[in-house]
């Protein structure tokens, strides 16, 4: 079955990402799924955009599958599902609000050389937790020592290359986001879903998420519901009165169709060329191929690409744990 074969390849590839991301459980689950014809058939009955490992695994955990735990627990739950797990998969989306990525975004913000505060517009903002880079401290470990700025707790990141590490967190004067299905940071069920999206063994990420929720609940971010291809230009125009406009996104464009990825790329390049905003994004390397023009060869280990104004400037760990500046 072609659909099952495609899903098996996706899950086999995800196992490498789970290993890089520090989740032996998810790596084992993904390898198990990739070799299991019955589970692949269960997944093949889902819409294509609902077959992603992070979404399926989080839904299973939400309904009691222990993680860390053996693959047999996941397998039994999916094959015996009375429709409950499937319903959660169909009604939820992957909206990982990974605040650890701020440790890789902030150097890119510093490299913009803005002479006024930032006005942030986040595409695919989920609950808006990444709209607060000014409220975190950072600890960048470099070959010359640790560069620590801002308050504790600090987001840690190992840095190589001549990254423009700032002497202080960024100054943010204005912030807003857009998402097809915004999550309300004050909603306990929404926060519980965000916690399930954090991989099982990643206790540091879970602690960061809880801290981020506290920060955002003190000043809930404005995240509008809508299509980012429509709302981003509108928000850019609104933000212009408040500071240096920066459109930011992390692991979001991968969820658009191939056609809409091209539309987003063209839209952002036009906005940058017109002087309307700057553009900082972190995505999988194959999502916006134009970013890689002139970039070094991809490393062998899984990585994401950090782009500034349409050009790749660094490789970034998927959860913000490392940054390799070109």
Protein backbone atom coordinates (compact mmCIF):
# COMPACT_ATOMS: atom_id res chain seq x y z
CA UNK A 1 0.00 0.00 0.00
CA UNK A 2 1.58 3.29 -1.13
CA UNK A 3 0.03 5.33 1.70
CA UNK A 4 1.37 2.93 4.32
CA UNK A 5 4.81 2.98 2.71
CA UNK A 6 4.86 6.80 2.81
CA UNK A 7 3.81 6.81 6.45
CA UNK A 8 6.47 4.24 7.31
CA UNK A 9 9.14 6.48 5.77
CA UNK A 10 7.85 9.47 7.73
CA UNK A 11 7.99 7.57 11.01
CA UNK A 12 11.42 6.10 10.27
CA UNK A 13 12.71 9.59 9.59
CA UNK A 14 11.07 10.93 12.72
CA UNK A 15 12.99 8.37 14.79
CA UNK A 16 16.21 10.23 13.95
CA UNK A 17 14.68 13.54 15.03
CA UNK A 18 13.45 11.99 18.28
CA UNK A 19 16.93 10.66 18.99
CA UNK A 20 18.43 14.10 18.32
CA UNK A 21 15.74 15.65 20.50
CA UNK A 22 16.49 13.42 23.48
CA UNK A 23 13.49 11.09 23.43
CA UNK A 24 14.43 7.39 23.30
CA UNK A 25 10.76 6.58 23.85
CA UNK A 26 9.55 8.44 20.78
CA UNK A 27 12.43 7.07 18.73
CA UNK A 28 11.43 3.52 19.70
CA UNK A 29 7.74 4.23 19.07
CA UNK A 30 8.49 5.68 15.64
CA UNK A 31 10.63 2.71 14.66
CA UNK A 32 7.91 0.39 15.91
CA UNK A 33 5.23 2.09 13.87
CA UNK A 34 7.40 2.09 10.75
CA UNK A 35 7.62 -1.71 10.90
CA UNK A 36 4.03 -2.45 11.97
CA UNK A 37 1.58 -3.09 9.13
CA UNK A 38 -1.52 -2.98 11.35
CA UNK A 39 -0.66 0.36 12.94
CA UNK A 40 0.32 1.79 9.55
CA UNK A 41 -3.13 0.81 8.28
CA UNK A 42 -4.72 2.57 11.28
CA UNK A 43 -2.75 5.70 10.44
CA UNK A 44 -3.52 5.45 6.73
CA UNK A 45 -7.22 5.82 7.54
CA UNK A 46 -6.51 9.29 8.92
CA UNK A 47 -6.33 12.40 6.72
CA UNK A 48 -2.77 12.92 5.52
CA UNK A 49 -2.27 16.04 7.65
CA UNK A 50 -3.26 14.08 10.77
CA UNK A 51 -0.69 11.31 10.44
CA UNK A 52 2.28 13.14 11.97
CA UNK A 53 4.05 11.28 14.82
CA UNK A 54 4.03 14.20 17.26
CA UNK A 55 0.26 14.62 16.91
CA UNK A 56 -0.58 10.91 17.13
CA UNK A 57 1.78 10.24 20.03
CA UNK A 58 0.50 13.25 21.99
CA UNK A 59 -3.13 12.17 21.47
CA UNK A 60 -2.33 8.67 22.69
CA UNK A 61 -0.60 10.06 25.77
CA UNK A 62 -3.54 12.36 26.47
CA UNK A 63 -5.68 9.23 26.74
CA UNK A 64 -3.42 7.38 29.12
CA UNK A 65 -0.69 5.67 27.11
CA UNK A 66 2.35 5.79 29.42
CA UNK A 67 5.42 7.61 28.14
CA UNK A 68 8.20 6.82 28.57
CA UNK A 69 6.83 3.37 27.99
CA UNK A 70 7.12 0.41 25.64
CA UNK A 71 5.89 0.50 22.05
CA UNK A 72 3.43 -2.26 22.92
CA UNK A 73 1.44 0.21 25.02
CA UNK A 74 1.03 2.58 22.09
CA UNK A 75 0.26 -0.25 19.67
CA UNK A 76 -2.40 -1.80 21.88
CA UNK A 77 -4.07 1.57 22.48
CA UNK A 78 -4.27 2.47 18.79
CA UNK A 79 -5.49 -0.90 17.61
CA UNK A 80 -8.09 -1.13 20.41
CA UNK A 81 -9.16 2.50 20.03
CA UNK A 82 -12.91 2.97 20.27
CA UNK A 83 -12.63 6.24 18.38
CA UNK A 84 -11.48 8.35 21.33
CA UNK A 85 -7.84 8.72 20.28
CA UNK A 86 -8.85 9.17 16.66
CA UNK A 87 -11.24 11.96 17.64
CA UNK A 88 -8.48 13.78 19.51
CA UNK A 89 -6.16 13.46 16.52
CA UNK A 90 -8.86 14.85 14.23
CA UNK A 91 -9.77 17.78 16.49
CA UNK A 92 -6.26 18.83 17.54
CA UNK A 93 -3.18 20.06 15.72
CA UNK A 94 0.53 20.12 16.44
CA UNK A 95 1.11 23.52 18.03
CA UNK A 96 4.32 23.06 19.96
CA UNK A 97 5.15 26.42 21.51
CA UNK A 98 8.88 25.72 21.91
CA UNK A 99 10.27 28.66 23.89
CA UNK A 100 13.73 27.09 23.85
CA UNK A 101 14.01 28.28 20.25
CA UNK A 102 14.19 31.85 21.54
CA UNK A 103 17.84 31.16 22.40
CA UNK A 104 18.50 30.78 18.66
CA UNK A 105 16.18 33.57 17.53
CA UNK A 106 17.55 36.28 19.82
CA UNK A 107 21.03 36.33 18.21
CA UNK A 108 19.30 36.74 14.85
CA UNK A 109 17.31 39.66 16.28
CA UNK A 110 20.56 41.21 17.52
CA UNK A 111 22.13 40.77 14.09
CA UNK A 112 19.43 42.92 12.51
CA UNK A 113 21.13 46.00 13.95
CA UNK A 114 17.82 47.68 14.73
CA UNK A 115 18.15 51.14 16.28
CA UNK A 116 14.70 51.04 17.86
CA UNK A 117 12.63 48.50 19.84
CA UNK A 118 11.22 45.49 18.06
CA UNK A 119 7.59 45.06 17.02
CA UNK A 120 7.11 41.30 16.69
CA UNK A 121 4.62 39.58 14.39
CA UNK A 122 4.62 35.81 14.84
CA UNK A 123 3.18 33.61 12.11
CA UNK A 124 1.72 30.42 13.56
CA UNK A 125 1.89 31.67 17.11
CA UNK A 126 -0.13 28.90 18.81
CA UNK A 127 -0.62 30.30 22.35
CA UNK A 128 1.88 33.11 21.74
CA UNK A 129 4.49 31.86 24.19
CA UNK A 130 7.40 32.77 21.88
CA UNK A 131 6.32 36.41 21.73
CA UNK A 132 8.22 37.22 24.94
CA UNK A 133 11.96 37.05 24.12
CA UNK A 134 12.46 40.11 26.34
CA UNK A 135 11.20 38.30 29.46
CA UNK A 136 13.82 35.51 29.41
CA UNK A 137 17.49 35.25 30.26
CA UNK A 138 19.93 33.40 28.02
CA UNK A 139 23.10 31.39 28.56
CA UNK A 140 25.03 30.85 25.33
CA UNK A 141 27.91 28.42 25.73
CA UNK A 142 30.68 29.31 23.27
CA UNK A 143 34.24 28.01 22.80
CA UNK A 144 35.37 31.11 24.73
CA UNK A 145 33.01 30.61 27.66
CA UNK A 146 29.40 31.29 28.61
CA UNK A 147 27.69 34.51 27.58
CA UNK A 148 24.90 35.02 30.10
CA UNK A 149 22.36 37.82 29.86
CA UNK A 150 19.02 38.57 31.48
CA UNK A 151 17.31 37.03 34.48
CA UNK A 152 17.15 33.45 35.68
CA UNK A 153 15.93 30.99 34.59
CA UNK A 154 18.05 31.29 31.46
CA UNK A 155 17.50 29.40 28.23
CA UNK A 156 20.69 27.45 27.48
CA UNK A 157 22.18 27.04 24.01
CA UNK A 158 25.55 25.85 22.71
CA UNK A 159 26.87 28.21 20.03
CA UNK A 160 29.56 27.84 17.41
CA UNK A 161 30.59 30.38 14.82
CA UNK A 162 30.47 34.16 15.02
CA UNK A 163 26.87 34.51 16.15
CA UNK A 164 25.92 38.10 17.09
CA UNK A 165 25.25 37.41 20.77
CA UNK A 166 23.68 40.46 22.43
CA UNK A 167 24.64 41.98 25.78
CA UNK A 168 21.01 42.06 26.91
CA UNK A 169 17.64 40.56 25.96
CA UNK A 170 15.89 42.39 23.12
CA UNK A 171 13.71 45.43 23.69
CA UNK A 172 10.20 44.58 22.52
CA UNK A 173 7.71 47.42 22.24
CA UNK A 174 4.82 45.54 20.62
CA UNK A 175 3.87 41.94 19.92
CA UNK A 176 1.09 40.04 18.17
CA UNK A 177 0.59 36.74 16.44
CA UNK A 178 -1.67 34.90 14.05
CA UNK A 179 -2.75 31.26 14.05
CA UNK A 180 -5.45 29.25 12.32
CA UNK A 181 -6.49 27.92 15.73
CA UNK A 182 -5.04 30.05 18.52
CA UNK A 183 -4.72 28.45 21.93
CA UNK A 184 -5.82 30.49 24.94
CA UNK A 185 -2.99 30.46 27.44
CA UNK A 186 -5.57 30.87 30.23
CA UNK A 187 -7.35 27.64 29.22
CA UNK A 188 -6.15 24.70 31.33
CA UNK A 189 -7.16 22.16 28.68
CA UNK A 190 -5.16 24.04 26.03
CA UNK A 191 -2.13 24.12 28.30
CA UNK A 192 -2.53 20.40 29.04
CA UNK A 193 -2.40 19.75 25.29
CA UNK A 194 0.75 21.85 24.97
CA UNK A 195 2.33 19.75 27.73
CA UNK A 196 1.48 16.52 25.90
CA UNK A 197 3.23 17.89 22.82
CA UNK A 198 6.48 18.03 24.78
CA UNK A 199 8.38 14.78 24.29
CA UNK A 200 8.33 12.41 27.28
CA UNK A 201 11.89 12.62 28.57
CA UNK A 202 12.26 16.37 27.94
CA UNK A 203 11.78 17.58 31.51
CA UNK A 204 13.73 20.78 30.80
CA UNK A 205 11.35 21.69 27.99
CA UNK A 206 8.35 20.96 30.20
CA UNK A 207 9.72 23.28 32.90
CA UNK A 208 10.33 25.99 30.29
CA UNK A 209 6.79 25.59 28.99
CA UNK A 210 5.32 26.03 32.46
CA UNK A 211 7.42 29.13 33.03
CA UNK A 212 6.35 30.49 29.64
CA UNK A 213 2.69 29.93 30.52
CA UNK A 214 3.16 31.90 33.75
CA UNK A 215 4.71 34.80 31.83
CA UNK A 216 2.02 34.83 29.17
CA UNK A 217 -0.86 34.54 31.65
CA UNK A 218 0.38 37.71 33.35
CA UNK A 219 -0.02 39.54 30.03
CA UNK A 220 -1.97 37.38 27.56
CA UNK A 221 -0.61 37.93 24.06
CA UNK A 222 -2.85 39.12 21.23
CA UNK A 223 -3.05 36.19 18.81
CA UNK A 224 -5.61 36.67 16.06
CA UNK A 225 -7.37 33.78 14.37
CA UNK A 226 -6.81 33.60 10.66
CA UNK A 227 -4.72 32.63 7.66
CA UNK A 228 -1.14 33.83 8.04
CA UNK A 229 -0.98 34.62 4.32
CA UNK A 230 -3.77 37.14 4.88
CA UNK A 231 -3.11 38.38 8.40
CA UNK A 232 0.68 38.78 8.41
CA UNK A 233 0.70 41.75 5.98
CA UNK A 234 -2.10 43.39 7.96
CA UNK A 235 -0.24 42.95 11.25
CA UNK A 236 3.00 44.20 9.69
CA UNK A 237 1.19 47.40 8.74
CA UNK A 238 -0.24 47.75 12.26
CA UNK A 239 3.11 47.06 13.90
CA UNK A 240 4.95 49.72 11.90
CA UNK A 241 3.92 52.48 14.29
CA UNK A 242 5.51 50.72 17.26
CA UNK A 243 9.06 49.77 16.29
CA UNK A 244 11.29 47.74 13.99
CA UNK A 245 8.86 45.22 12.55
CA UNK A 246 10.11 41.63 12.59
CA UNK A 247 8.04 38.74 11.24
CA UNK A 248 9.08 35.55 13.02
CA UNK A 249 8.07 31.89 12.71
CA UNK A 250 9.40 28.55 13.93
CA UNK A 251 8.51 25.14 12.47
CA UNK A 252 5.23 26.49 11.09
CA UNK A 253 5.56 26.78 7.32
CA UNK A 254 6.05 23.00 7.13
CA UNK A 255 2.31 22.66 7.76
CA UNK A 256 1.38 24.66 4.66
CA UNK A 257 0.81 23.08 1.27
CA UNK A 258 3.66 23.25 -1.22
CA UNK A 259 1.81 25.96 -3.11
CA UNK A 260 1.22 28.05 0.01
CA UNK A 261 4.87 27.68 1.08
CA UNK A 262 5.86 29.30 -2.20
CA UNK A 263 3.26 32.03 -1.66
CA UNK A 264 4.60 32.69 1.83
CA UNK A 265 8.19 32.86 0.58
CA UNK A 266 7.22 35.31 -2.17
CA UNK A 267 5.10 37.39 0.23
CA UNK A 268 7.88 37.72 2.78
CA UNK A 269 10.53 38.57 0.20
CA UNK A 270 8.26 41.31 -1.14
CA UNK A 271 7.63 42.73 2.34
CA UNK A 272 11.37 42.75 3.08
CA UNK A 273 12.24 44.28 -0.30
CA UNK A 274 9.66 47.01 0.28
CA UNK A 275 11.19 47.83 3.66
CA UNK A 276 8.00 46.91 5.51
CA UNK A 277 9.66 44.44 7.89
CA UNK A 278 12.55 42.12 8.65
CA UNK A 279 12.12 38.35 8.50
CA UNK A 280 13.49 35.75 10.92
CA UNK A 281 12.39 32.12 10.67
CA UNK A 282 13.42 28.62 11.67
CA UNK A 283 12.17 25.78 9.50
CA UNK A 284 13.15 22.34 8.22
CA UNK A 285 15.65 22.68 5.37
CA UNK A 286 13.28 21.39 2.67
CA UNK A 287 10.38 23.65 3.62
CA UNK A 288 11.71 26.90 2.12
CA UNK A 289 14.44 25.70 -0.25
CA UNK A 290 15.29 29.22 -1.39
CA UNK A 291 16.78 29.91 2.06
CA UNK A 292 19.58 27.46 1.28
CA UNK A 293 20.93 29.29 -1.79
CA UNK A 294 24.59 29.85 -0.98
CA UNK A 295 24.43 27.99 2.35
CA UNK A 296 27.01 25.39 3.40
CA UNK A 297 26.21 21.69 2.88
CA UNK A 298 23.65 20.32 5.29
CA UNK A 299 25.13 18.49 8.30
CA UNK A 300 24.46 14.77 8.59
CA UNK A 301 22.51 15.03 11.84
CA UNK A 302 18.93 16.38 11.80
CA UNK A 303 18.87 20.16 11.84
CA UNK A 304 16.71 23.17 11.13
CA UNK A 305 17.76 26.23 9.19
CA UNK A 306 17.67 29.75 10.63
CA UNK A 307 16.99 32.36 7.99
CA UNK A 308 17.20 36.14 8.12
CA UNK A 309 15.53 38.19 5.39
CA UNK A 310 15.40 35.12 3.15
CA UNK A 311 19.00 33.92 3.58
CA UNK A 312 20.22 31.05 5.75
CA UNK A 313 22.58 32.22 8.50
CA UNK A 314 22.84 29.19 10.81
CA UNK A 315 21.83 25.63 11.59
CA UNK A 316 19.61 25.44 14.66
CA UNK A 317 18.61 22.55 16.90
CA UNK A 318 14.90 21.80 16.74
CA UNK A 319 14.42 22.72 20.41
CA UNK A 320 16.95 25.55 20.56
CA UNK A 321 19.73 23.60 22.27
CA UNK A 322 22.42 24.51 19.75
CA UNK A 323 23.19 27.11 17.11
CA UNK A 324 25.88 26.77 14.43
CA UNK A 325 26.36 30.20 12.85
CA UNK A 326 27.88 30.19 9.37
